[in-house]
Structure formats: structure tokens, C-alpha cells
Amino acid sequence: MKKFVILLFACSFITACGESSQSVDESAVAVKTITGTIEFRERIGLTRSSKLEIQLLDISIADVPARIVASKIIDNPGQAPFKFTIEYDPALIVEQNTYSVSARIHDSGQLILISDATNPVLTRDAPSTVNVEMVRVSSVTPIETEAQ
């Protein structure tokens, strides 16, 4: 009887260990990706200090800031077009919601390029591959007024 209890305990322990390693494997597989390219028409050479930021956004609710689902920053991305892959957790995706990929390039802390269009992905028959076009951010200089 004592051997049976020990054997039963050992089998339970081995089964429990097997289940925990299986759940770890499932969580590793749970990550999905969005791929694509980012380009811009302006003839701008990026410096080594530039940073490309790519975001997967939930844009479902109007008049509120988009919720960031996933993001990636690439230091010194080189020259356009840029190929990218961004990983996201599919558990965060709601089929009824609308998602978009946005991109921006900063250089020395200053925003110089941004995507200004919606680039739908994942839901509502949208693909998981996207081509993002960026435009140059215009410099706005303050208007000085004379003291009256």
C-alpha cells in the first residue's frame, strides 16, 4: 500500500510538471506578428541618432486617444523603405474593434516624419501585413506680435 501511494504521488508530480511546461510552450506560441514596410516620399537622409517608432493601436473609440496594443522602437533604422515586424499578444485583440499601425521618426528628440493615414490591420477583413507611408512634419514657428 505504501509503495502504491508513493507511486501515485510520483505520477501526479510528473503529470503536473508536464502540464506546466506545456503551458509555457503555449504562451510562447501565443505571440503573433504584423509585418510590413514603411516608406516616405521626401528625399530625407536620416542620421544615426534617428529612431523609428512603430505602434499597433486600437482606434475603435472616436474622440479618445488610441490604446497602444504593442510597440517597437528601432534605433538608427537606416534608409527607407524599412521592413518591420511587430509582435503582439492576440489575447488583447477584440474582433469587433478596429486596429491600425502607425509610425513616426524622431531625430534628436524632434519629430520629423509621421504616418498621417489609418493603416488597418487584423480585424474587419484587414490583413496582418501593411505598407505605411509617412509624411514630413512641418516646422511651426511661433508668430511674434508687437507689444501694444
N, C-alpha and C. Protein backbone atom coordinates (compact mmCIF):
# COMPACT_ATOMS: atom_id res chain seq x y z
N MET A 1 0.83 -1.20 0.00
CA MET A 1 0.00 0.00 0.00
C MET A 1 0.87 1.26 0.00
N LYS A 2 1.95 1.23 0.80
CA LYS A 2 2.84 2.37 0.90
C LYS A 2 3.50 2.65 -0.46
N LYS A 3 3.91 1.59 -1.18
CA LYS A 3 4.53 1.75 -2.50
C LYS A 3 3.52 2.34 -3.48
N PHE A 4 2.28 1.93 -3.37
CA PHE A 4 1.23 2.44 -4.26
C PHE A 4 1.04 3.94 -4.07
N VAL A 5 1.03 4.41 -2.82
CA VAL A 5 0.86 5.83 -2.52
C VAL A 5 2.05 6.63 -3.06
N ILE A 6 3.26 6.09 -2.88
CA ILE A 6 4.46 6.78 -3.38
C ILE A 6 4.42 6.84 -4.91
N LEU A 7 4.04 5.74 -5.55
CA LEU A 7 3.95 5.70 -7.00
C LEU A 7 2.88 6.67 -7.50
N LEU A 8 1.75 6.72 -6.81
CA LEU A 8 0.68 7.64 -7.19
C LEU A 8 1.15 9.09 -7.05
N PHE A 9 1.86 9.40 -5.97
CA PHE A 9 2.40 10.75 -5.77
C PHE A 9 3.40 11.11 -6.87
N ALA A 10 4.28 10.17 -7.21
CA ALA A 10 5.29 10.41 -8.25
C ALA A 10 4.63 10.67 -9.60
N CYS A 11 3.61 9.88 -9.92
CA CYS A 11 2.90 10.08 -11.20
C CYS A 11 2.20 11.44 -11.23
N SER A 12 1.61 11.81 -10.12
CA SER A 12 0.94 13.11 -10.05
C SER A 12 1.94 14.24 -10.22
N PHE A 13 3.10 14.11 -9.61
CA PHE A 13 4.14 15.12 -9.71
C PHE A 13 4.64 15.25 -11.14
N ILE A 14 4.90 14.13 -11.79
CA ILE A 14 5.38 14.14 -13.17
C ILE A 14 4.33 14.75 -14.10
N THR A 15 3.07 14.40 -13.90
CA THR A 15 2.00 14.94 -14.72
C THR A 15 1.89 16.45 -14.53
N ALA A 16 1.99 16.91 -13.29
CA ALA A 16 1.91 18.35 -13.01
C ALA A 16 3.07 19.09 -13.65
N CYS A 17 4.26 18.52 -13.60
CA CYS A 17 5.41 19.16 -14.24
C CYS A 17 5.23 19.21 -15.75
N GLY A 18 4.71 18.15 -16.31
CA GLY A 18 4.47 18.11 -17.75
C GLY A 18 3.46 19.17 -18.17
N GLU A 19 2.42 19.37 -17.38
CA GLU A 19 1.41 20.38 -17.71
C GLU A 19 1.97 21.78 -17.62
N SER A 20 2.83 22.06 -16.63
CA SER A 20 3.36 23.41 -16.52
C SER A 20 4.30 23.73 -17.67
N SER A 21 5.09 22.75 -18.13
CA SER A 21 5.97 23.03 -19.27
C SER A 21 5.15 23.19 -20.54
N GLN A 22 4.02 22.50 -20.61
CA GLN A 22 3.16 22.63 -21.78
C GLN A 22 2.54 24.03 -21.83
N SER A 23 2.15 24.59 -20.69
CA SER A 23 1.56 25.92 -20.68
C SER A 23 2.59 26.98 -21.05
N VAL A 24 3.86 26.75 -20.69
CA VAL A 24 4.91 27.68 -21.07
C VAL A 24 5.07 27.66 -22.58
N ASP A 25 5.04 26.46 -23.19
CA ASP A 25 5.15 26.35 -24.64
C ASP A 25 3.98 27.05 -25.33
N GLU A 26 2.78 26.91 -24.80
CA GLU A 26 1.61 27.54 -25.40
C GLU A 26 1.71 29.06 -25.34
N SER A 27 2.23 29.61 -24.25
CA SER A 27 2.35 31.06 -24.15
C SER A 27 3.40 31.59 -25.12
N ALA A 28 4.44 30.79 -25.39
CA ALA A 28 5.45 31.22 -26.35
C ALA A 28 4.87 31.26 -27.76
N VAL A 29 3.97 30.34 -28.07
CA VAL A 29 3.35 30.28 -29.39
C VAL A 29 2.26 31.35 -29.51
N ALA A 30 1.75 31.84 -28.40
CA ALA A 30 0.63 32.77 -28.41
C ALA A 30 0.97 34.12 -29.03
N VAL A 31 2.24 34.47 -29.14
CA VAL A 31 2.62 35.75 -29.73
C VAL A 31 2.45 35.68 -31.24
N LYS A 32 1.81 36.70 -31.81
CA LYS A 32 1.65 36.79 -33.25
C LYS A 32 2.37 38.04 -33.76
N THR A 33 2.47 38.16 -35.08
CA THR A 33 3.21 39.28 -35.64
C THR A 33 2.44 40.00 -36.73
N ILE A 34 2.79 41.27 -36.89
CA ILE A 34 2.35 42.08 -38.02
C ILE A 34 3.63 42.46 -38.76
N THR A 35 3.61 42.33 -40.06
CA THR A 35 4.78 42.68 -40.86
C THR A 35 4.42 43.76 -41.86
N GLY A 36 5.43 44.40 -42.40
CA GLY A 36 5.17 45.40 -43.42
C GLY A 36 6.38 46.21 -43.76
N THR A 37 6.11 47.28 -44.49
CA THR A 37 7.15 48.23 -44.87
C THR A 37 6.70 49.64 -44.51
N ILE A 38 7.69 50.48 -44.29
CA ILE A 38 7.43 51.89 -44.00
C ILE A 38 8.27 52.69 -44.99
N GLU A 39 7.63 53.66 -45.63
CA GLU A 39 8.35 54.49 -46.59
C GLU A 39 7.85 55.92 -46.55
N PHE A 40 8.61 56.81 -47.17
CA PHE A 40 8.19 58.20 -47.31
C PHE A 40 8.73 58.73 -48.62
N ARG A 41 8.02 59.72 -49.17
CA ARG A 41 8.36 60.26 -50.48
C ARG A 41 9.43 61.35 -50.44
N GLU A 42 9.52 62.04 -49.31
CA GLU A 42 10.50 63.11 -49.20
C GLU A 42 11.91 62.54 -49.32
N ARG A 43 12.79 63.31 -49.89
CA ARG A 43 14.19 62.89 -50.00
C ARG A 43 14.92 63.40 -48.76
N ILE A 44 14.87 62.58 -47.73
CA ILE A 44 15.47 62.94 -46.45
C ILE A 44 16.45 61.83 -46.08
N GLY A 45 17.66 62.22 -45.76
CA GLY A 45 18.62 61.25 -45.25
C GLY A 45 18.54 61.27 -43.73
N LEU A 46 18.32 60.11 -43.13
CA LEU A 46 18.22 60.04 -41.68
C LEU A 46 19.61 59.94 -41.06
N THR A 47 19.76 60.54 -39.90
CA THR A 47 21.03 60.48 -39.19
C THR A 47 21.07 59.23 -38.32
N ARG A 48 22.23 58.96 -37.76
CA ARG A 48 22.39 57.78 -36.89
C ARG A 48 21.63 57.94 -35.57
N SER A 49 21.27 59.16 -35.23
CA SER A 49 20.55 59.37 -33.97
C SER A 49 19.03 59.24 -34.14
N SER A 50 18.57 58.96 -35.36
CA SER A 50 17.12 58.85 -35.57
C SER A 50 16.58 57.54 -35.00
N LYS A 51 15.30 57.60 -34.63
CA LYS A 51 14.61 56.43 -34.06
C LYS A 51 13.28 56.27 -34.77
N LEU A 52 12.98 55.04 -35.18
CA LEU A 52 11.71 54.70 -35.80
C LEU A 52 10.84 54.04 -34.75
N GLU A 53 9.65 54.59 -34.52
CA GLU A 53 8.71 54.02 -33.55
C GLU A 53 7.49 53.52 -34.32
N ILE A 54 7.17 52.24 -34.11
CA ILE A 54 6.02 51.61 -34.76
C ILE A 54 5.06 51.18 -33.67
N GLN A 55 3.76 51.46 -33.86
CA GLN A 55 2.77 51.11 -32.85
C GLN A 55 1.57 50.40 -33.48
N LEU A 56 1.09 49.38 -32.79
CA LEU A 56 -0.20 48.76 -33.11
C LEU A 56 -1.20 49.42 -32.18
N LEU A 57 -2.20 50.07 -32.76
CA LEU A 57 -3.16 50.86 -31.98
C LEU A 57 -4.57 50.34 -32.11
N ASP A 58 -5.32 50.39 -31.02
CA ASP A 58 -6.75 50.14 -31.03
C ASP A 58 -7.41 51.49 -31.21
N ILE A 59 -8.01 51.70 -32.39
CA ILE A 59 -8.60 53.01 -32.73
C ILE A 59 -10.12 52.94 -32.76
N SER A 60 -10.69 52.04 -31.99
CA SER A 60 -12.12 51.76 -32.04
C SER A 60 -13.00 52.89 -31.52
N ILE A 61 -12.54 53.62 -30.54
CA ILE A 61 -13.38 54.64 -29.91
C ILE A 61 -12.96 56.02 -30.39
N ALA A 62 -13.88 56.72 -31.02
CA ALA A 62 -13.60 58.06 -31.53
C ALA A 62 -13.45 59.05 -30.38
N ASP A 63 -12.71 60.09 -30.62
CA ASP A 63 -12.54 61.20 -29.68
C ASP A 63 -11.83 60.83 -28.39
N VAL A 64 -11.12 59.72 -28.37
CA VAL A 64 -10.26 59.38 -27.23
C VAL A 64 -8.92 58.93 -27.82
N PRO A 65 -7.85 59.09 -27.07
CA PRO A 65 -6.55 58.63 -27.58
C PRO A 65 -6.58 57.12 -27.87
N ALA A 66 -5.91 56.73 -28.92
CA ALA A 66 -5.85 55.32 -29.28
C ALA A 66 -5.09 54.56 -28.20
N ARG A 67 -5.53 53.32 -27.96
CA ARG A 67 -4.86 52.46 -26.97
C ARG A 67 -3.73 51.73 -27.67
N ILE A 68 -2.52 51.81 -27.10
CA ILE A 68 -1.36 51.13 -27.67
C ILE A 68 -1.42 49.66 -27.26
N VAL A 69 -1.50 48.77 -28.26
CA VAL A 69 -1.54 47.33 -28.02
C VAL A 69 -0.12 46.77 -28.01
N ALA A 70 0.72 47.26 -28.91
CA ALA A 70 2.12 46.82 -29.00
C ALA A 70 2.93 47.93 -29.63
N SER A 71 4.22 47.97 -29.34
CA SER A 71 5.07 48.97 -29.95
C SER A 71 6.49 48.43 -30.10
N LYS A 72 7.22 49.08 -30.98
CA LYS A 72 8.61 48.70 -31.22
C LYS A 72 9.38 49.95 -31.60
N ILE A 73 10.59 50.09 -31.07
CA ILE A 73 11.45 51.21 -31.42
C ILE A 73 12.72 50.64 -32.05
N ILE A 74 13.07 51.20 -33.21
CA ILE A 74 14.28 50.78 -33.92
C ILE A 74 15.23 51.96 -33.94
N ASP A 75 16.36 51.83 -33.26
CA ASP A 75 17.38 52.87 -33.29
C ASP A 75 18.14 52.80 -34.61
N ASN A 76 18.46 53.97 -35.16
CA ASN A 76 19.22 54.07 -36.41
C ASN A 76 18.66 53.12 -37.47
N PRO A 77 17.45 53.36 -37.96
CA PRO A 77 16.80 52.42 -38.88
C PRO A 77 17.43 52.36 -40.27
N GLY A 78 18.35 53.27 -40.58
CA GLY A 78 18.95 53.27 -41.91
C GLY A 78 18.14 54.13 -42.85
N GLN A 79 18.03 53.71 -44.09
CA GLN A 79 17.30 54.49 -45.09
C GLN A 79 16.08 53.73 -45.57
N ALA A 80 15.05 54.47 -45.96
CA ALA A 80 13.77 53.89 -46.39
C ALA A 80 13.95 53.17 -47.72
N PRO A 81 13.09 52.19 -47.99
CA PRO A 81 11.98 51.71 -47.18
C PRO A 81 12.48 50.80 -46.05
N PHE A 82 11.73 50.81 -44.95
CA PHE A 82 12.07 50.00 -43.78
C PHE A 82 11.13 48.79 -43.73
N LYS A 83 11.68 47.63 -43.54
CA LYS A 83 10.84 46.44 -43.30
C LYS A 83 10.74 46.28 -41.79
N PHE A 84 9.56 45.87 -41.32
CA PHE A 84 9.39 45.71 -39.88
C PHE A 84 8.54 44.49 -39.54
N THR A 85 8.72 44.03 -38.33
CA THR A 85 7.88 43.01 -37.72
C THR A 85 7.60 43.48 -36.31
N ILE A 86 6.34 43.49 -35.93
CA ILE A 86 5.97 43.88 -34.58
C ILE A 86 5.17 42.74 -33.96
N GLU A 87 5.55 42.33 -32.77
CA GLU A 87 4.88 41.24 -32.07
C GLU A 87 3.76 41.80 -31.20
N TYR A 88 2.68 41.02 -31.09
CA TYR A 88 1.57 41.42 -30.23
C TYR A 88 0.95 40.18 -29.61
N ASP A 89 0.23 40.38 -28.53
CA ASP A 89 -0.48 39.31 -27.83
C ASP A 89 -1.89 39.21 -28.41
N PRO A 90 -2.23 38.10 -29.09
CA PRO A 90 -3.56 38.00 -29.69
C PRO A 90 -4.69 38.03 -28.67
N ALA A 91 -4.40 37.78 -27.41
CA ALA A 91 -5.43 37.84 -26.38
C ALA A 91 -5.92 39.28 -26.18
N LEU A 92 -5.13 40.26 -26.62
CA LEU A 92 -5.52 41.67 -26.48
C LEU A 92 -6.38 42.17 -27.63
N ILE A 93 -6.58 41.35 -28.65
CA ILE A 93 -7.32 41.75 -29.84
C ILE A 93 -8.79 41.36 -29.68
N VAL A 94 -9.67 42.32 -29.88
CA VAL A 94 -11.12 42.11 -29.82
C VAL A 94 -11.64 42.19 -31.25
N GLU A 95 -12.27 41.15 -31.73
CA GLU A 95 -12.70 41.06 -33.13
C GLU A 95 -13.58 42.23 -33.57
N GLN A 96 -14.36 42.80 -32.68
CA GLN A 96 -15.25 43.90 -33.04
C GLN A 96 -14.53 45.24 -33.13
N ASN A 97 -13.32 45.32 -32.62
CA ASN A 97 -12.59 46.59 -32.60
C ASN A 97 -11.82 46.81 -33.90
N THR A 98 -11.31 48.01 -34.06
CA THR A 98 -10.54 48.39 -35.25
C THR A 98 -9.12 48.71 -34.83
N TYR A 99 -8.15 48.16 -35.58
CA TYR A 99 -6.74 48.33 -35.25
C TYR A 99 -5.99 48.93 -36.43
N SER A 100 -4.96 49.68 -36.12
CA SER A 100 -4.16 50.35 -37.14
C SER A 100 -2.70 50.36 -36.71
N VAL A 101 -1.81 50.44 -37.71
CA VAL A 101 -0.38 50.57 -37.44
C VAL A 101 0.01 52.01 -37.75
N SER A 102 0.73 52.62 -36.82
CA SER A 102 1.23 53.97 -37.05
C SER A 102 2.74 53.96 -36.88
N ALA A 103 3.38 54.96 -37.48
CA ALA A 103 4.84 55.05 -37.38
C ALA A 103 5.25 56.51 -37.27
N ARG A 104 6.35 56.73 -36.62
CA ARG A 104 6.92 58.08 -36.52
C ARG A 104 8.43 57.96 -36.40
N ILE A 105 9.11 58.97 -36.89
CA ILE A 105 10.58 59.01 -36.79
C ILE A 105 10.97 60.27 -36.03
N HIS A 106 11.77 60.07 -35.01
CA HIS A 106 12.33 61.16 -34.20
C HIS A 106 13.81 61.25 -34.49
N ASP A 107 14.34 62.45 -34.46
CA ASP A 107 15.78 62.64 -34.58
C ASP A 107 16.19 63.66 -33.53
N SER A 108 17.04 63.23 -32.63
CA SER A 108 17.49 64.08 -31.51
C SER A 108 16.32 64.64 -30.73
N GLY A 109 15.28 63.81 -30.54
CA GLY A 109 14.12 64.21 -29.76
C GLY A 109 13.08 65.01 -30.51
N GLN A 110 13.34 65.33 -31.78
CA GLN A 110 12.39 66.11 -32.57
C GLN A 110 11.68 65.20 -33.56
N LEU A 111 10.36 65.32 -33.62
CA LEU A 111 9.56 64.54 -34.56
C LEU A 111 9.77 65.09 -35.96
N ILE A 112 10.17 64.20 -36.91
CA ILE A 112 10.41 64.69 -38.27
C ILE A 112 9.50 64.04 -39.32
N LEU A 113 9.07 62.79 -39.09
CA LEU A 113 8.18 62.11 -40.01
C LEU A 113 7.11 61.38 -39.22
N ILE A 114 5.90 61.30 -39.81
CA ILE A 114 4.79 60.63 -39.13
C ILE A 114 3.84 60.03 -40.17
N SER A 115 3.20 58.94 -39.80
CA SER A 115 2.15 58.41 -40.67
C SER A 115 0.88 59.20 -40.36
N ASP A 116 0.22 59.69 -41.40
CA ASP A 116 -0.96 60.53 -41.16
C ASP A 116 -2.25 59.88 -41.67
N ALA A 117 -2.19 58.62 -42.03
CA ALA A 117 -3.37 57.90 -42.51
C ALA A 117 -3.61 56.67 -41.64
N THR A 118 -4.82 56.17 -41.68
CA THR A 118 -5.15 54.94 -40.97
C THR A 118 -4.64 53.77 -41.80
N ASN A 119 -3.95 52.85 -41.15
CA ASN A 119 -3.40 51.67 -41.80
C ASN A 119 -4.00 50.44 -41.11
N PRO A 120 -5.22 50.04 -41.53
CA PRO A 120 -5.94 48.98 -40.81
C PRO A 120 -5.25 47.62 -40.88
N VAL A 121 -5.33 46.89 -39.76
CA VAL A 121 -4.79 45.54 -39.66
C VAL A 121 -5.69 44.67 -38.78
N LEU A 122 -5.57 43.39 -38.97
CA LEU A 122 -6.08 42.32 -38.10
C LEU A 122 -7.58 42.04 -38.12
N THR A 123 -8.43 43.02 -37.94
CA THR A 123 -9.87 42.75 -37.83
C THR A 123 -10.61 43.38 -39.00
N ARG A 124 -11.88 43.02 -39.14
CA ARG A 124 -12.74 43.58 -40.19
C ARG A 124 -12.14 43.32 -41.59
N ASP A 125 -11.67 42.09 -41.78
CA ASP A 125 -11.07 41.64 -43.04
C ASP A 125 -9.78 42.35 -43.40
N ALA A 126 -9.12 43.01 -42.46
CA ALA A 126 -7.84 43.67 -42.71
C ALA A 126 -6.72 42.64 -42.59
N PRO A 127 -5.64 42.81 -43.35
CA PRO A 127 -4.54 41.84 -43.32
C PRO A 127 -3.64 42.03 -42.11
N SER A 128 -2.64 41.16 -41.99
CA SER A 128 -1.63 41.31 -40.94
C SER A 128 -0.33 41.84 -41.55
N THR A 129 -0.38 42.22 -42.81
CA THR A 129 0.74 42.85 -43.49
C THR A 129 0.28 44.21 -43.99
N VAL A 130 1.12 45.24 -43.81
CA VAL A 130 0.69 46.60 -44.13
C VAL A 130 1.85 47.42 -44.69
N ASN A 131 1.53 48.35 -45.58
CA ASN A 131 2.50 49.30 -46.09
C ASN A 131 2.13 50.68 -45.52
N VAL A 132 3.03 51.26 -44.75
CA VAL A 132 2.78 52.53 -44.07
C VAL A 132 3.56 53.64 -44.78
N GLU A 133 2.86 54.69 -45.17
CA GLU A 133 3.51 55.85 -45.78
C GLU A 133 3.57 56.98 -44.76
N MET A 134 4.72 57.63 -44.72
CA MET A 134 4.94 58.72 -43.77
C MET A 134 5.07 60.04 -44.52
N VAL A 135 4.77 61.12 -43.83
CA VAL A 135 4.94 62.47 -44.37
C VAL A 135 5.80 63.27 -43.40
N ARG A 136 6.42 64.29 -43.95
CA ARG A 136 7.27 65.15 -43.14
C ARG A 136 6.40 66.04 -42.25
N VAL A 137 6.85 66.23 -41.03
CA VAL A 137 6.16 67.13 -40.10
C VAL A 137 6.66 68.53 -40.39
N SER A 138 5.72 69.45 -40.66
CA SER A 138 6.14 70.82 -40.97
C SER A 138 6.57 71.52 -39.69
N SER A 139 7.57 72.33 -39.83
CA SER A 139 8.05 73.11 -38.68
C SER A 139 7.11 74.28 -38.48
N VAL A 140 6.65 74.43 -37.27
CA VAL A 140 5.76 75.55 -36.97
C VAL A 140 6.56 76.54 -36.13
N THR A 141 6.67 77.75 -36.64
CA THR A 141 7.38 78.78 -35.89
C THR A 141 6.35 79.72 -35.29
N PRO A 142 6.52 80.10 -34.04
CA PRO A 142 5.54 80.99 -33.41
C PRO A 142 5.54 82.36 -34.07
N ILE A 143 4.37 82.94 -34.16
CA ILE A 143 4.22 84.28 -34.73
C ILE A 143 4.42 85.28 -33.61
N GLU A 144 5.37 86.18 -33.82
CA GLU A 144 5.64 87.18 -32.80
C GLU A 144 4.73 88.38 -33.05
N THR A 145 4.17 88.88 -32.00
CA THR A 145 3.33 90.08 -32.12
C THR A 145 4.00 91.23 -31.39
N GLU A 146 3.76 92.40 -31.90
CA GLU A 146 4.34 93.58 -31.25
C GLU A 146 3.53 93.92 -30.00
N ALA A 147 4.23 94.40 -28.99
CA ALA A 147 3.54 94.81 -27.76
C ALA A 147 2.70 96.05 -28.06
N GLN A 148 1.51 96.09 -27.55
CA GLN A 148 0.63 97.24 -27.84
C GLN A 148 0.53 98.13 -26.66
